[in-house]
């Protein structure tokens, strides 16, 4: 079998890892062994952060809808239940936007 040295592939892989750690401090941006662990941990934290962002946004949307609903004389759970019973299919993101930017339209939704 012929001998394989992997010169260009090795350089390409290193450049890819160092590109992912660009902007990090100390040896993590330049030393390949430190950059490997930094890149994997950063990727894991980014993945977890995307899930946490969704969780935080959902809670924020619920708070905004609840605050607007209480201003109009009802509570969040009863308001969402009445929307489901009347087949008004608006998700929480849209309802939170309406509650924040168009309170008069939200008041009409509560009365409906």
C-alpha atoms as a PDB file:
ATOM      1  CA  UNK A   1       0.000   0.000   0.000  1.00  0.00           C
ATOM      2  CA  UNK A   2       1.182   3.497  -0.737  1.00  0.00           C
ATOM      3  CA  UNK A   3       2.199   5.804   2.068  1.00  0.00           C
ATOM      4  CA  UNK A   4      -0.280   8.562   3.025  1.00  0.00           C
ATOM      5  CA  UNK A   5       1.084  11.694   4.677  1.00  0.00           C
ATOM      6  CA  UNK A   6      -2.172  13.727   4.973  1.00  0.00           C
ATOM      7  CA  UNK A   7      -0.366  17.031   4.644  1.00  0.00           C
ATOM      8  CA  UNK A   8      -3.045  19.223   3.084  1.00  0.00           C
ATOM      9  CA  UNK A   9      -5.943  17.585   4.938  1.00  0.00           C
ATOM     10  CA  UNK A  10      -4.184  18.020   8.241  1.00  0.00           C
ATOM     11  CA  UNK A  11      -3.558  21.710   7.587  1.00  0.00           C
ATOM     12  CA  UNK A  12      -7.140  22.205   6.408  1.00  0.00           C
ATOM     13  CA  UNK A  13      -8.528  20.579   9.573  1.00  0.00           C
ATOM     14  CA  UNK A  14      -6.313  22.721  11.800  1.00  0.00           C
ATOM     15  CA  UNK A  15      -7.301  25.888   9.955  1.00  0.00           C
ATOM     16  CA  UNK A  16     -10.954  24.992  10.387  1.00  0.00           C
ATOM     17  CA  UNK A  17     -10.576  24.516  14.146  1.00  0.00           C
ATOM     18  CA  UNK A  18      -8.544  27.721  14.533  1.00  0.00           C
ATOM     19  CA  UNK A  19     -11.148  29.620  12.491  1.00  0.00           C
ATOM     20  CA  UNK A  20     -13.835  28.519  14.958  1.00  0.00           C
ATOM     21  CA  UNK A  21     -11.769  29.772  17.913  1.00  0.00           C
ATOM     22  CA  UNK A  22     -10.858  33.101  16.312  1.00  0.00           C
ATOM     23  CA  UNK A  23     -11.343  35.882  18.835  1.00  0.00           C
ATOM     24  CA  UNK A  24     -10.771  33.729  21.899  1.00  0.00           C
ATOM     25  CA  UNK A  25      -8.093  34.697  24.389  1.00  0.00           C
ATOM     26  CA  UNK A  26      -4.629  33.344  25.110  1.00  0.00           C
ATOM     27  CA  UNK A  27      -3.641  29.973  23.676  1.00  0.00           C
ATOM     28  CA  UNK A  28      -7.156  28.927  22.753  1.00  0.00           C
ATOM     29  CA  UNK A  29      -6.959  30.932  19.543  1.00  0.00           C
ATOM     30  CA  UNK A  30      -3.552  29.692  18.396  1.00  0.00           C
ATOM     31  CA  UNK A  31      -2.613  26.355  19.982  1.00  0.00           C
ATOM     32  CA  UNK A  32      -4.371  23.443  18.340  1.00  0.00           C
ATOM     33  CA  UNK A  33      -4.801  21.274  21.453  1.00  0.00           C
ATOM     34  CA  UNK A  34      -6.366  24.103  23.427  1.00  0.00           C
ATOM     35  CA  UNK A  35      -8.383  25.240  20.414  1.00  0.00           C
ATOM     36  CA  UNK A  36      -9.934  21.780  19.965  1.00  0.00           C
ATOM     37  CA  UNK A  37     -11.406  21.684  23.464  1.00  0.00           C
ATOM     38  CA  UNK A  38     -12.437  25.333  23.273  1.00  0.00           C
ATOM     39  CA  UNK A  39     -14.235  24.756  19.956  1.00  0.00           C
ATOM     40  CA  UNK A  40     -16.131  21.691  21.199  1.00  0.00           C
ATOM     41  CA  UNK A  41     -17.156  23.396  24.432  1.00  0.00           C
ATOM     42  CA  UNK A  42     -18.212  26.525  22.564  1.00  0.00           C
ATOM     43  CA  UNK A  43     -20.308  24.423  20.205  1.00  0.00           C
ATOM     44  CA  UNK A  44     -21.970  22.607  23.080  1.00  0.00           C
ATOM     45  CA  UNK A  45     -22.694  25.853  24.917  1.00  0.00           C
ATOM     46  CA  UNK A  46     -24.107  27.409  21.758  1.00  0.00           C
ATOM     47  CA  UNK A  47     -26.457  24.435  21.310  1.00  0.00           C
ATOM     48  CA  UNK A  48     -27.650  24.639  24.912  1.00  0.00           C
ATOM     49  CA  UNK A  49     -27.980  28.422  24.610  1.00  0.00           C
ATOM     50  CA  UNK A  50     -30.318  28.103  21.637  1.00  0.00           C
ATOM     51  CA  UNK A  51     -32.631  25.883  23.693  1.00  0.00           C
ATOM     52  CA  UNK A  52     -32.497  28.243  26.708  1.00  0.00           C
ATOM     53  CA  UNK A  53     -33.298  31.196  24.450  1.00  0.00           C
ATOM     54  CA  UNK A  54     -36.516  29.503  23.334  1.00  0.00           C
ATOM     55  CA  UNK A  55     -37.441  28.769  26.958  1.00  0.00           C
ATOM     56  CA  UNK A  56     -36.785  32.351  28.070  1.00  0.00           C
ATOM     57  CA  UNK A  57     -38.717  33.851  25.166  1.00  0.00           C
ATOM     58  CA  UNK A  58     -41.741  31.658  25.855  1.00  0.00           C
ATOM     59  CA  UNK A  59     -41.808  32.784  29.496  1.00  0.00           C
ATOM     60  CA  UNK A  60     -41.455  36.414  28.465  1.00  0.00           C
ATOM     61  CA  UNK A  61     -44.303  36.085  25.971  1.00  0.00           C
ATOM     62  CA  UNK A  62     -46.541  34.521  28.620  1.00  0.00           C
ATOM     63  CA  UNK A  63     -45.777  37.375  31.034  1.00  0.00           C
ATOM     64  CA  UNK A  64     -46.603  40.001  28.419  1.00  0.00           C
ATOM     65  CA  UNK A  65     -49.887  38.322  27.491  1.00  0.00           C
ATOM     66  CA  UNK A  66     -50.818  37.911  31.160  1.00  0.00           C
ATOM     67  CA  UNK A  67     -50.076  41.565  31.938  1.00  0.00           C
ATOM     68  CA  UNK A  68     -52.177  42.748  29.006  1.00  0.00           C
ATOM     69  CA  UNK A  69     -54.978  40.317  29.868  1.00  0.00           C
ATOM     70  CA  UNK A  70     -55.083  41.542  33.467  1.00  0.00           C
ATOM     71  CA  UNK A  71     -55.387  45.126  32.240  1.00  0.00           C
ATOM     72  CA  UNK A  72     -58.491  43.978  30.359  1.00  0.00           C
ATOM     73  CA  UNK A  73     -60.071  42.164  33.313  1.00  0.00           C
ATOM     74  CA  UNK A  74     -59.096  38.521  32.797  1.00  0.00           C
ATOM     75  CA  UNK A  75     -56.145  36.237  33.469  1.00  0.00           C
ATOM     76  CA  UNK A  76     -53.755  34.400  31.151  1.00  0.00           C
ATOM     77  CA  UNK A  77     -55.156  30.902  31.555  1.00  0.00           C
ATOM     78  CA  UNK A  78     -58.795  31.921  31.033  1.00  0.00           C
ATOM     79  CA  UNK A  79     -57.837  34.103  28.087  1.00  0.00           C
ATOM     80  CA  UNK A  80     -55.917  31.299  26.346  1.00  0.00           C
ATOM     81  CA  UNK A  81     -58.720  28.840  27.087  1.00  0.00           C
ATOM     82  CA  UNK A  82     -61.316  31.137  25.530  1.00  0.00           C
ATOM     83  CA  UNK A  83     -59.131  31.587  22.434  1.00  0.00           C
ATOM     84  CA  UNK A  84     -58.883  27.813  22.003  1.00  0.00           C
ATOM     85  CA  UNK A  85     -62.635  27.329  22.470  1.00  0.00           C
ATOM     86  CA  UNK A  86     -63.374  29.981  19.830  1.00  0.00           C
ATOM     87  CA  UNK A  87     -60.784  28.468  17.429  1.00  0.00           C
ATOM     88  CA  UNK A  88     -58.716  31.667  17.283  1.00  0.00           C
ATOM     89  CA  UNK A  89     -55.341  30.235  16.299  1.00  0.00           C
ATOM     90  CA  UNK A  90     -52.783  32.869  17.245  1.00  0.00           C
ATOM     91  CA  UNK A  91     -49.531  31.724  18.777  1.00  0.00           C
ATOM     92  CA  UNK A  92     -47.986  33.288  21.877  1.00  0.00           C
ATOM     93  CA  UNK A  93     -45.384  35.208  19.914  1.00  0.00           C
ATOM     94  CA  UNK A  94     -48.029  37.030  17.862  1.00  0.00           C
ATOM     95  CA  UNK A  95     -50.253  37.607  20.892  1.00  0.00           C
ATOM     96  CA  UNK A  96     -47.345  39.114  22.836  1.00  0.00           C
ATOM     97  CA  UNK A  97     -46.560  41.467  19.921  1.00  0.00           C
ATOM     98  CA  UNK A  98     -50.215  42.535  19.693  1.00  0.00           C
ATOM     99  CA  UNK A  99     -50.366  43.048  23.456  1.00  0.00           C
ATOM    100  CA  UNK A 100     -47.259  45.240  23.400  1.00  0.00           C
ATOM    101  CA  UNK A 101     -47.715  47.294  20.249  1.00  0.00           C
ATOM    102  CA  UNK A 102     -51.499  47.327  19.689  1.00  0.00           C
ATOM    103  CA  UNK A 103     -53.326  47.237  23.038  1.00  0.00           C
ATOM    104  CA  UNK A 104     -56.653  48.280  21.471  1.00  0.00           C
ATOM    105  CA  UNK A 105     -56.599  45.235  19.182  1.00  0.00           C
ATOM    106  CA  UNK A 106     -55.714  43.030  22.151  1.00  0.00           C
ATOM    107  CA  UNK A 107     -58.709  44.455  24.047  1.00  0.00           C
ATOM    108  CA  UNK A 108     -60.947  43.395  21.151  1.00  0.00           C
ATOM    109  CA  UNK A 109     -59.473  39.890  21.305  1.00  0.00           C
ATOM    110  CA  UNK A 110     -60.228  39.711  25.027  1.00  0.00           C
ATOM    111  CA  UNK A 111     -63.827  40.788  24.427  1.00  0.00           C
ATOM    112  CA  UNK A 112     -64.188  38.234  21.632  1.00  0.00           C
END
